[in-house]
Amino acid sequence: MEVVLFERASRRMRRSGRMVVVSPNPVHSVLYRVVVFVNASRRRFLLQVEFRARILRVVYVGAIAVLFRFVVMMLNLSETTRPRKEEEGRGQVFIWMGGRLARARGSRYAR
């Protein structure tokens, strides 16, 4: 059961990590980043490293992610700062390039 939960947390981390890069809205990107931190903490709990998991949640999720969120909200983004149509597909290109690089290096995540 722990292996299944660990794999779920890993998949959520990867999916949310992709969304951090691909998301056109910076506020959504920061919220996906919070999901990455929460799942990283969940993985550490499953590895029975509770102290590091709690520190990760307090420091990253509690402080840094909230700070990022407020900084992004203070930017007051308008329609003029949104990416142009030709720039919207760049996130997918970066994900593709990252997958190719992972396969070239022999990563166990490249499937």
Protein backbone atom coordinates (compact mmCIF):
# COMPACT_ATOMS: atom_id res chain seq x y z
CA MET A 1 0.00 0.00 0.00
CA GLU A 2 2.83 2.38 0.80
CA VAL A 3 4.39 1.77 -2.59
CA VAL A 4 1.12 2.70 -4.31
CA LEU A 5 0.83 5.91 -2.29
CA PHE A 6 4.46 6.74 -2.99
CA GLU A 7 3.96 6.27 -6.73
CA ARG A 8 0.80 8.42 -6.67
CA ALA A 9 2.65 11.22 -4.91
CA SER A 10 5.46 10.91 -7.46
CA ARG A 11 3.05 11.09 -10.39
CA ARG A 12 1.30 14.12 -8.90
CA MET A 13 4.66 15.80 -8.39
CA ARG A 14 5.63 15.24 -12.02
CA ARG A 15 2.25 16.37 -13.34
CA SER A 16 2.21 19.48 -11.16
CA GLY A 17 5.83 20.23 -12.06
CA ARG A 18 4.86 20.21 -15.73
CA MET A 19 1.93 22.51 -15.02
CA VAL A 20 4.25 24.97 -13.24
CA VAL A 21 6.10 25.39 -16.53
CA VAL A 22 3.15 25.18 -18.93
CA SER A 23 0.57 27.26 -17.06
CA PRO A 24 0.12 30.69 -18.69
CA ASN A 25 -1.23 32.25 -15.49
CA PRO A 26 1.51 32.93 -12.90
CA VAL A 27 -0.90 32.58 -9.97
CA HIS A 28 -1.89 29.08 -11.14
CA SER A 29 1.77 28.27 -11.63
CA VAL A 30 2.52 29.16 -8.00
CA LEU A 31 -0.43 27.09 -6.77
CA TYR A 32 0.84 24.10 -8.77
CA ARG A 33 4.20 24.69 -7.10
CA VAL A 34 2.48 24.35 -3.72
CA VAL A 35 1.08 20.99 -4.88
CA VAL A 36 4.63 19.90 -5.78
CA PHE A 37 5.87 20.81 -2.29
CA VAL A 38 2.97 19.03 -0.57
CA ASN A 39 3.57 15.85 -2.55
CA ALA A 40 7.31 16.00 -1.87
CA SER A 41 6.47 16.21 1.81
CA ARG A 42 4.04 13.30 1.47
CA ARG A 43 6.77 11.19 -0.12
CA ARG A 44 9.11 11.94 2.79
CA PHE A 45 6.42 10.90 5.27
CA LEU A 46 6.07 7.61 3.42
CA LEU A 47 9.85 7.13 3.65
CA GLN A 48 9.49 7.69 7.43
CA VAL A 49 11.56 10.86 7.47
CA GLU A 50 8.92 12.81 9.38
CA PHE A 51 11.09 15.66 10.64
CA ARG A 52 12.30 16.63 7.17
CA ALA A 53 8.77 16.32 5.81
CA ARG A 54 7.41 18.69 8.44
CA ILE A 55 10.24 21.17 7.86
CA LEU A 56 9.55 21.04 4.11
CA ARG A 57 5.88 21.82 4.66
CA VAL A 58 6.50 24.64 7.10
CA VAL A 59 9.31 26.32 5.17
CA TYR A 60 8.30 25.85 1.55
CA VAL A 61 4.54 25.52 1.58
CA GLY A 62 3.99 27.81 4.54
CA ALA A 63 6.44 30.59 3.83
CA ILE A 64 7.97 30.62 0.37
CA ALA A 65 4.88 29.60 -1.61
CA VAL A 66 2.71 32.17 0.18
CA LEU A 67 5.38 34.80 -0.45
CA PHE A 68 5.46 33.90 -4.15
CA ARG A 69 1.70 34.07 -4.35
CA PHE A 70 1.53 37.56 -2.87
CA VAL A 71 4.38 38.83 -5.03
CA VAL A 72 2.63 37.55 -8.15
CA MET A 73 -0.62 39.14 -7.04
CA MET A 74 1.16 42.44 -6.43
CA LEU A 75 2.46 42.40 -10.01
CA ASN A 76 -1.08 43.29 -11.12
CA LEU A 77 -0.85 41.49 -14.44
CA SER A 78 -3.07 42.82 -17.18
CA GLU A 79 -3.99 41.61 -20.66
CA THR A 80 -0.91 43.26 -22.18
CA THR A 81 1.50 41.07 -20.21
CA ARG A 82 -0.02 37.75 -21.29
CA PRO A 83 2.02 35.66 -23.71
CA ARG A 84 1.39 36.09 -27.40
CA LYS A 85 -0.18 33.31 -29.44
CA GLU A 86 3.14 32.24 -30.95
CA GLU A 87 4.68 31.89 -27.45
CA GLU A 88 1.92 29.72 -25.96
CA GLY A 89 3.32 26.40 -27.23
CA ARG A 90 6.77 26.92 -25.74
CA GLY A 91 5.96 24.99 -22.54
CA GLN A 92 5.16 21.87 -24.52
CA VAL A 93 8.42 22.19 -26.43
CA PHE A 94 10.36 22.47 -23.16
CA ILE A 95 8.62 19.38 -21.77
CA TRP A 96 9.46 17.47 -24.95
CA MET A 97 13.09 18.61 -24.75
CA GLY A 98 13.29 17.63 -21.09
CA GLY A 99 11.97 14.16 -21.89
CA ARG A 100 14.54 13.75 -24.63
CA LEU A 101 17.31 14.87 -22.28
CA ALA A 102 16.14 12.48 -19.56
CA ARG A 103 16.11 9.57 -22.03
CA ALA A 104 19.57 10.50 -23.27
CA ARG A 105 20.95 10.51 -19.74
CA GLY A 106 19.30 7.17 -18.90
CA SER A 107 16.92 8.49 -16.27
CA ARG A 108 14.55 6.01 -14.67
CA TYR A 109 11.72 8.54 -15.11
CA ALA A 110 12.00 8.52 -18.89
CA ARG A 111 9.33 6.06 -19.98
